[in-house]
C-alpha atoms as a PDB file:
ATOM      1  CA  MET A   1      79.716  75.945 -19.381  1.00  0.00           C
ATOM      2  CA  LYS A   2      78.350  74.731 -16.039  1.00  0.00           C
ATOM      3  CA  LYS A   3      74.895  74.455 -17.609  1.00  0.00           C
ATOM      4  CA  LEU A   4      76.311  72.240 -20.352  1.00  0.00           C
ATOM      5  CA  TYR A   5      77.925  69.919 -17.776  1.00  0.00           C
ATOM      6  CA  LEU A   6      74.679  69.815 -15.823  1.00  0.00           C
ATOM      7  CA  ILE A   7      72.689  68.903 -18.937  1.00  0.00           C
ATOM      8  CA  VAL A   8      75.166  66.161 -19.925  1.00  0.00           C
ATOM      9  CA  ALA A   9      75.169  64.765 -16.377  1.00  0.00           C
ATOM     10  CA  LEU A  10      71.371  64.816 -16.286  1.00  0.00           C
ATOM     11  CA  LEU A  11      71.128  63.020 -19.631  1.00  0.00           C
ATOM     12  CA  CYS A  12      73.583  60.363 -18.456  1.00  0.00           C
ATOM     13  CA  PHE A  13      71.567  59.881 -15.273  1.00  0.00           C
ATOM     14  CA  LEU A  14      68.293  59.577 -17.197  1.00  0.00           C
ATOM     15  CA  ASN A  15      69.855  57.084 -19.587  1.00  0.00           C
ATOM     16  CA  GLN A  16      70.964  54.934 -16.637  1.00  0.00           C
ATOM     17  CA  ALA A  17      67.499  55.111 -15.026  1.00  0.00           C
ATOM     18  CA  ILE A  18      65.751  54.063 -18.230  1.00  0.00           C
ATOM     19  CA  ALA A  19      68.225  51.255 -18.909  1.00  0.00           C
ATOM     20  CA  GLN A  20      67.058  49.329 -15.808  1.00  0.00           C
ATOM     21  CA  TRP A  21      63.762  48.338 -17.465  1.00  0.00           C
ATOM     22  CA  LYS A  22      63.565  45.508 -19.979  1.00  0.00           C
ATOM     23  CA  LYS A  23      60.686  43.956 -21.897  1.00  0.00           C
ATOM     24  CA  ILE A  24      59.522  40.539 -20.745  1.00  0.00           C
ATOM     25  CA  SER A  25      60.074  38.284 -23.728  1.00  0.00           C
ATOM     26  CA  GLY A  26      57.735  35.492 -22.569  1.00  0.00           C
ATOM     27  CA  ILE A  27      54.645  37.610 -23.228  1.00  0.00           C
ATOM     28  CA  PRO A  28      53.879  38.517 -26.840  1.00  0.00           C
ATOM     29  CA  SER A  29      53.393  42.167 -27.689  1.00  0.00           C
ATOM     30  CA  SER A  30      49.761  42.843 -26.864  1.00  0.00           C
ATOM     31  CA  HIS A  31      47.744  45.150 -24.671  1.00  0.00           C
ATOM     32  CA  ILE A  32      48.105  43.978 -21.078  1.00  0.00           C
ATOM     33  CA  MET A  33      45.040  45.164 -19.215  1.00  0.00           C
ATOM     34  CA  GLU A  34      45.769  43.869 -15.725  1.00  0.00           C
ATOM     35  CA  LEU A  35      48.665  42.503 -13.662  1.00  0.00           C
ATOM     36  CA  ALA A  36      48.184  40.552 -10.438  1.00  0.00           C
ATOM     37  CA  VAL A  37      49.927  38.275  -7.952  1.00  0.00           C
ATOM     38  CA  HIS A  38      48.054  35.411  -6.294  1.00  0.00           C
ATOM     39  CA  ASN A  39      49.477  32.406  -4.402  1.00  0.00           C
ATOM     40  CA  ASN A  40      53.030  33.206  -5.589  1.00  0.00           C
ATOM     41  CA  MET A  41      51.931  33.243  -9.243  1.00  0.00           C
ATOM     42  CA  LEU A  42      52.133  36.248 -11.554  1.00  0.00           C
ATOM     43  CA  TYR A  43      49.194  36.889 -13.889  1.00  0.00           C
ATOM     44  CA  ALA A  44      49.036  39.203 -16.901  1.00  0.00           C
ATOM     45  CA  ALA A  45      45.646  39.568 -18.610  1.00  0.00           C
ATOM     46  CA  SER A  46      45.670  40.669 -22.236  1.00  0.00           C
ATOM     47  CA  ASP A  47      42.769  42.366 -23.960  1.00  0.00           C
ATOM     48  CA  SER A  48      42.455  39.434 -26.363  1.00  0.00           C
ATOM     49  CA  ASN A  49      41.101  36.424 -24.451  1.00  0.00           C
ATOM     50  CA  ILE A  50      44.488  35.312 -23.047  1.00  0.00           C
ATOM     51  CA  ILE A  51      45.876  35.256 -19.515  1.00  0.00           C
ATOM     52  CA  TYR A  52      49.579  34.643 -19.029  1.00  0.00           C
ATOM     53  CA  LYS A  53      50.743  32.843 -15.845  1.00  0.00           C
ATOM     54  CA  SER A  54      54.249  32.615 -14.415  1.00  0.00           C
ATOM     55  CA  ASN A  55      55.858  31.452 -11.204  1.00  0.00           C
ATOM     56  CA  ASP A  56      59.213  33.120 -11.899  1.00  0.00           C
ATOM     57  CA  GLY A  57      58.495  36.118 -14.158  1.00  0.00           C
ATOM     58  CA  LEU A  58      60.636  34.649 -16.945  1.00  0.00           C
ATOM     59  CA  ASN A  59      58.627  31.705 -18.272  1.00  0.00           C
ATOM     60  CA  TRP A  60      54.976  32.345 -19.078  1.00  0.00           C
ATOM     61  CA  ASN A  61      52.115  29.997 -20.017  1.00  0.00           C
ATOM     62  CA  ALA A  62      49.181  31.265 -22.061  1.00  0.00           C
ATOM     63  CA  VAL A  63      45.659  30.274 -21.015  1.00  0.00           C
ATOM     64  CA  SER A  64      42.500  31.078 -23.008  1.00  0.00           C
ATOM     65  CA  VAL A  65      39.598  32.476 -21.000  1.00  0.00           C
ATOM     66  CA  SER A  66      36.827  31.471 -23.379  1.00  0.00           C
ATOM     67  CA  GLY A  67      36.179  29.500 -26.533  1.00  0.00           C
ATOM     68  CA  ILE A  68      34.740  32.665 -28.047  1.00  0.00           C
ATOM     69  CA  PRO A  69      36.792  35.864 -28.371  1.00  0.00           C
ATOM     70  CA  VAL A  70      36.349  38.197 -25.388  1.00  0.00           C
ATOM     71  CA  GLU A  71      38.052  41.458 -24.500  1.00  0.00           C
ATOM     72  CA  ILE A  72      39.445  41.162 -20.952  1.00  0.00           C
ATOM     73  CA  THR A  73      39.163  44.384 -18.963  1.00  0.00           C
ATOM     74  CA  SER A  74      39.760  43.293 -15.355  1.00  0.00           C
ATOM     75  CA  MET A  75      40.955  40.429 -13.185  1.00  0.00           C
ATOM     76  CA  GLY A  76      40.499  39.580  -9.520  1.00  0.00           C
ATOM     77  CA  PHE A  77      40.785  36.713  -7.041  1.00  0.00           C
ATOM     78  CA  TYR A  78      38.292  35.528  -4.434  1.00  0.00           C
ATOM     79  CA  ASN A  79      38.121  32.238  -2.488  1.00  0.00           C
ATOM     80  CA  ASN A  80      40.990  30.784  -4.558  1.00  0.00           C
ATOM     81  CA  LYS A  81      39.205  31.449  -7.838  1.00  0.00           C
ATOM     82  CA  ILE A  82      40.202  33.866 -10.572  1.00  0.00           C
ATOM     83  CA  TYR A  83      37.499  36.151 -11.949  1.00  0.00           C
ATOM     84  CA  ILE A  84      37.791  37.830 -15.335  1.00  0.00           C
ATOM     85  CA  GLY A  85      35.683  40.818 -16.330  1.00  0.00           C
ATOM     86  CA  THR A  86      35.200  41.537 -20.013  1.00  0.00           C
ATOM     87  CA  ALA A  87      34.016  44.391 -22.202  1.00  0.00           C
ATOM     88  CA  ASP A  88      31.412  41.984 -23.560  1.00  0.00           C
ATOM     89  CA  ILE A  89      29.364  42.298 -20.341  1.00  0.00           C
ATOM     90  CA  ALA A  90      30.382  38.860 -19.109  1.00  0.00           C
ATOM     91  CA  VAL A  91      32.332  37.556 -16.126  1.00  0.00           C
ATOM     92  CA  PHE A  92      34.251  34.285 -16.192  1.00  0.00           C
ATOM     93  CA  ASN A  93      35.746  32.361 -13.267  1.00  0.00           C
ATOM     94  CA  SER A  94      38.076  29.420 -12.840  1.00  0.00           C
ATOM     95  CA  ALA A  95      39.622  27.529  -9.967  1.00  0.00           C
ATOM     96  CA  ASP A  96      42.870  27.038 -11.879  1.00  0.00           C
END
């Protein structure tokens, strides 16, 4: 009987721990390849040519990296510029 109580208590605990996470609704369902923080802005890079920017984590703006489709694989910041690495053997940068 003690094992049953322990299992029920453990399941209740796990349910509470999982319940703390919630999906961010401002970002469409897509593969997010990279997350970063720079100058109090949050960035989420998808694998489909889009970077999402937010200053509060609730409201997100989508920004296209290129006029042609690219698969984003990495993101970094240097000298106040954002650099995007792609699977297409190209690197893009932007000051904004």
